[in-house]
Amino acid sequence: MGAEAWGHSVADLLKELAKKHDVPDELVEVALELDKAYIPTRYPNAHPSGSPRSRYTKAEARRLIEYAERIVKFCSDLLSKI
């Protein structure tokens, strides 16, 4: 049995998944954007001034949610084929 993929990086998890399944490059690219938002959105002192709430727009939030939904759908569809 091989090592399990784990961690908070969605891009890294998809890259590991790509060793056994076809993962679109575009999905890894959007995962990289999600990864960049992971830490600074959770910690009030992640930015030099202002809270994370004041640093992200509704458009960014909607885009990142859409990216996450695409990744979840991809993984869900993949699991349904296994």
N, C-alpha and C. Protein backbone atom coordinates (compact mmCIF):
# COMPACT_ATOMS: atom_id res chain seq x y z
N MET A 1 0.85 -1.18 0.00
CA MET A 1 0.00 0.00 0.00
C MET A 1 0.89 1.24 0.00
N GLY A 2 0.59 2.21 -0.84
CA GLY A 2 1.39 3.43 -0.96
C GLY A 2 1.06 4.44 0.11
N ALA A 3 1.84 5.48 0.15
CA ALA A 3 1.61 6.56 1.11
C ALA A 3 0.34 7.32 0.75
N GLU A 4 -0.34 7.75 1.78
CA GLU A 4 -1.55 8.55 1.56
C GLU A 4 -1.19 10.00 1.31
N ALA A 5 -1.97 10.64 0.46
CA ALA A 5 -1.83 12.08 0.26
C ALA A 5 -2.56 12.77 1.40
N TRP A 6 -1.94 13.76 1.99
CA TRP A 6 -2.60 14.51 3.06
C TRP A 6 -2.05 15.92 3.10
N GLY A 7 -2.74 16.77 3.81
CA GLY A 7 -2.29 18.15 3.96
C GLY A 7 -3.39 19.12 3.58
N HIS A 8 -3.03 20.40 3.62
CA HIS A 8 -3.99 21.45 3.33
C HIS A 8 -3.89 21.99 1.92
N SER A 9 -2.86 21.61 1.19
CA SER A 9 -2.69 22.12 -0.17
C SER A 9 -3.54 21.32 -1.15
N VAL A 10 -4.56 21.97 -1.67
CA VAL A 10 -5.44 21.31 -2.64
C VAL A 10 -4.65 20.98 -3.91
N ALA A 11 -3.76 21.88 -4.32
CA ALA A 11 -2.96 21.64 -5.51
C ALA A 11 -2.07 20.41 -5.32
N ASP A 12 -1.43 20.29 -4.16
CA ASP A 12 -0.58 19.13 -3.89
C ASP A 12 -1.40 17.84 -3.89
N LEU A 13 -2.59 17.90 -3.31
CA LEU A 13 -3.45 16.72 -3.29
C LEU A 13 -3.85 16.31 -4.71
N LEU A 14 -4.16 17.29 -5.54
CA LEU A 14 -4.51 16.98 -6.93
C LEU A 14 -3.31 16.45 -7.71
N LYS A 15 -2.14 16.98 -7.44
CA LYS A 15 -0.93 16.49 -8.11
C LYS A 15 -0.66 15.04 -7.72
N GLU A 16 -0.89 14.72 -6.47
CA GLU A 16 -0.73 13.33 -6.02
C GLU A 16 -1.78 12.43 -6.69
N LEU A 17 -3.00 12.92 -6.78
CA LEU A 17 -4.06 12.17 -7.44
C LEU A 17 -3.73 11.93 -8.91
N ALA A 18 -3.05 12.90 -9.52
CA ALA A 18 -2.70 12.80 -10.95
C ALA A 18 -1.72 11.67 -11.24
N LYS A 19 -1.10 11.12 -10.21
CA LYS A 19 -0.20 9.98 -10.41
C LYS A 19 -0.98 8.72 -10.77
N LYS A 20 -2.28 8.71 -10.43
CA LYS A 20 -3.10 7.53 -10.69
C LYS A 20 -4.30 7.80 -11.60
N HIS A 21 -4.67 9.07 -11.74
CA HIS A 21 -5.84 9.43 -12.52
C HIS A 21 -5.54 10.69 -13.33
N ASP A 22 -6.26 10.87 -14.42
CA ASP A 22 -6.10 12.08 -15.21
C ASP A 22 -6.74 13.26 -14.49
N VAL A 23 -5.94 14.23 -14.17
CA VAL A 23 -6.42 15.45 -13.52
C VAL A 23 -6.10 16.60 -14.46
N PRO A 24 -7.11 17.35 -14.89
CA PRO A 24 -6.86 18.48 -15.80
C PRO A 24 -5.90 19.50 -15.18
N ASP A 25 -4.96 19.97 -15.99
CA ASP A 25 -4.01 20.99 -15.53
C ASP A 25 -4.74 22.23 -15.02
N GLU A 26 -5.84 22.58 -15.67
CA GLU A 26 -6.61 23.77 -15.26
C GLU A 26 -7.11 23.62 -13.82
N LEU A 27 -7.46 22.40 -13.44
CA LEU A 27 -7.94 22.17 -12.07
C LEU A 27 -6.82 22.40 -11.06
N VAL A 28 -5.61 21.98 -11.40
CA VAL A 28 -4.46 22.22 -10.52
C VAL A 28 -4.19 23.72 -10.43
N GLU A 29 -4.34 24.43 -11.53
CA GLU A 29 -4.13 25.88 -11.52
C GLU A 29 -5.11 26.60 -10.61
N VAL A 30 -6.39 26.23 -10.67
CA VAL A 30 -7.35 26.91 -9.79
C VAL A 30 -7.11 26.49 -8.34
N ALA A 31 -6.62 25.29 -8.14
CA ALA A 31 -6.29 24.83 -6.78
C ALA A 31 -5.16 25.67 -6.19
N LEU A 32 -4.21 26.07 -7.03
CA LEU A 32 -3.13 26.93 -6.55
C LEU A 32 -3.67 28.26 -6.03
N GLU A 33 -4.68 28.78 -6.70
CA GLU A 33 -5.28 30.03 -6.23
C GLU A 33 -6.00 29.81 -4.90
N LEU A 34 -6.68 28.69 -4.77
CA LEU A 34 -7.33 28.38 -3.49
C LEU A 34 -6.29 28.25 -2.37
N ASP A 35 -5.19 27.60 -2.67
CA ASP A 35 -4.14 27.42 -1.67
C ASP A 35 -3.62 28.76 -1.16
N LYS A 36 -3.48 29.73 -2.05
CA LYS A 36 -2.96 31.04 -1.64
C LYS A 36 -3.90 31.75 -0.66
N ALA A 37 -5.17 31.42 -0.72
CA ALA A 37 -6.13 32.07 0.17
C ALA A 37 -6.31 31.32 1.49
N TYR A 38 -5.75 30.14 1.59
CA TYR A 38 -6.03 29.30 2.77
C TYR A 38 -5.60 29.94 4.09
N ILE A 39 -4.36 30.31 4.23
CA ILE A 39 -3.87 30.84 5.51
C ILE A 39 -4.33 32.27 5.77
N PRO A 40 -4.13 33.20 4.83
CA PRO A 40 -4.47 34.59 5.15
C PRO A 40 -5.95 34.86 5.41
N THR A 41 -6.83 33.99 4.94
CA THR A 41 -8.26 34.21 5.20
C THR A 41 -8.66 33.75 6.59
N ARG A 42 -7.82 33.01 7.27
CA ARG A 42 -8.17 32.42 8.55
C ARG A 42 -7.57 33.13 9.76
N TYR A 43 -6.57 33.97 9.54
CA TYR A 43 -5.88 34.57 10.67
C TYR A 43 -6.02 36.08 10.65
N PRO A 44 -6.51 36.67 11.74
CA PRO A 44 -6.76 38.11 11.77
C PRO A 44 -5.50 38.96 11.61
N ASN A 45 -4.34 38.39 11.88
CA ASN A 45 -3.10 39.17 11.76
C ASN A 45 -2.28 38.75 10.53
N ALA A 46 -2.90 38.12 9.57
CA ALA A 46 -2.18 37.66 8.38
C ALA A 46 -1.76 38.81 7.46
N HIS A 47 -2.44 39.93 7.56
CA HIS A 47 -2.12 41.10 6.74
C HIS A 47 -1.57 42.21 7.64
N PRO A 48 -0.71 43.06 7.11
CA PRO A 48 -0.11 44.12 7.92
C PRO A 48 -1.14 45.05 8.57
N SER A 49 -2.25 45.26 7.89
CA SER A 49 -3.30 46.09 8.48
C SER A 49 -4.65 45.58 8.00
N GLY A 50 -5.63 45.72 8.82
CA GLY A 50 -6.97 45.28 8.46
C GLY A 50 -7.15 43.79 8.61
N SER A 51 -8.37 43.39 8.76
CA SER A 51 -8.68 41.97 8.90
C SER A 51 -8.81 41.32 7.53
N PRO A 52 -8.75 40.01 7.46
CA PRO A 52 -8.95 39.33 6.18
C PRO A 52 -10.28 39.72 5.53
N ARG A 53 -11.27 39.96 6.37
CA ARG A 53 -12.60 40.34 5.86
C ARG A 53 -12.52 41.58 4.98
N SER A 54 -11.63 42.50 5.32
CA SER A 54 -11.52 43.74 4.54
C SER A 54 -10.58 43.60 3.34
N ARG A 55 -9.95 42.46 3.19
CA ARG A 55 -8.97 42.25 2.12
C ARG A 55 -9.49 41.45 0.93
N TYR A 56 -10.64 40.86 1.06
CA TYR A 56 -11.18 40.02 -0.01
C TYR A 56 -12.52 40.58 -0.47
N THR A 57 -12.75 40.53 -1.75
CA THR A 57 -13.99 41.05 -2.31
C THR A 57 -15.01 39.93 -2.49
N LYS A 58 -16.26 40.33 -2.69
CA LYS A 58 -17.30 39.34 -2.97
C LYS A 58 -17.00 38.59 -4.26
N ALA A 59 -16.46 39.30 -5.24
CA ALA A 59 -16.13 38.65 -6.53
C ALA A 59 -15.05 37.58 -6.32
N GLU A 60 -14.03 37.88 -5.50
CA GLU A 60 -13.00 36.88 -5.20
C GLU A 60 -13.62 35.69 -4.49
N ALA A 61 -14.46 35.96 -3.51
CA ALA A 61 -15.10 34.88 -2.76
C ALA A 61 -15.92 33.99 -3.69
N ARG A 62 -16.70 34.61 -4.54
CA ARG A 62 -17.52 33.82 -5.48
C ARG A 62 -16.65 32.98 -6.40
N ARG A 63 -15.56 33.57 -6.90
CA ARG A 63 -14.66 32.85 -7.80
C ARG A 63 -14.02 31.66 -7.07
N LEU A 64 -13.55 31.88 -5.85
CA LEU A 64 -12.91 30.81 -5.11
C LEU A 64 -13.90 29.71 -4.74
N ILE A 65 -15.12 30.09 -4.42
CA ILE A 65 -16.15 29.08 -4.15
C ILE A 65 -16.43 28.26 -5.40
N GLU A 66 -16.50 28.92 -6.54
CA GLU A 66 -16.73 28.21 -7.81
C GLU A 66 -15.58 27.24 -8.08
N TYR A 67 -14.35 27.66 -7.82
CA TYR A 67 -13.19 26.77 -8.00
C TYR A 67 -13.31 25.55 -7.10
N ALA A 68 -13.64 25.79 -5.84
CA ALA A 68 -13.78 24.68 -4.90
C ALA A 68 -14.88 23.72 -5.33
N GLU A 69 -15.99 24.26 -5.80
CA GLU A 69 -17.09 23.42 -6.27
C GLU A 69 -16.67 22.57 -7.47
N ARG A 70 -15.88 23.15 -8.38
CA ARG A 70 -15.39 22.38 -9.53
C ARG A 70 -14.50 21.23 -9.09
N ILE A 71 -13.65 21.48 -8.11
CA ILE A 71 -12.76 20.44 -7.63
C ILE A 71 -13.54 19.34 -6.92
N VAL A 72 -14.49 19.73 -6.09
CA VAL A 72 -15.32 18.74 -5.39
C VAL A 72 -16.10 17.90 -6.40
N LYS A 73 -16.66 18.53 -7.43
CA LYS A 73 -17.40 17.80 -8.45
C LYS A 73 -16.48 16.83 -9.19
N PHE A 74 -15.30 17.29 -9.56
CA PHE A 74 -14.34 16.41 -10.24
C PHE A 74 -14.05 15.18 -9.38
N CYS A 75 -13.74 15.39 -8.12
CA CYS A 75 -13.42 14.28 -7.22
C CYS A 75 -14.63 13.37 -7.00
N SER A 76 -15.79 13.96 -6.86
CA SER A 76 -17.02 13.17 -6.67
C SER A 76 -17.29 12.31 -7.91
N ASP A 77 -17.15 12.92 -9.09
CA ASP A 77 -17.34 12.16 -10.34
C ASP A 77 -16.31 11.04 -10.46
N LEU A 78 -15.08 11.31 -10.07
CA LEU A 78 -14.03 10.30 -10.12
C LEU A 78 -14.36 9.14 -9.19
N LEU A 79 -14.80 9.46 -7.97
CA LEU A 79 -15.15 8.42 -7.02
C LEU A 79 -16.32 7.55 -7.49
N SER A 80 -17.23 8.16 -8.22
CA SER A 80 -18.39 7.39 -8.70
C SER A 80 -17.99 6.39 -9.79
N LYS A 81 -16.80 6.58 -10.39
CA LYS A 81 -16.32 5.68 -11.44
C LYS A 81 -15.45 4.55 -10.88
N ILE A 82 -15.02 4.71 -9.65
CA ILE A 82 -14.10 3.72 -9.08
C ILE A 82 -14.86 2.56 -8.47
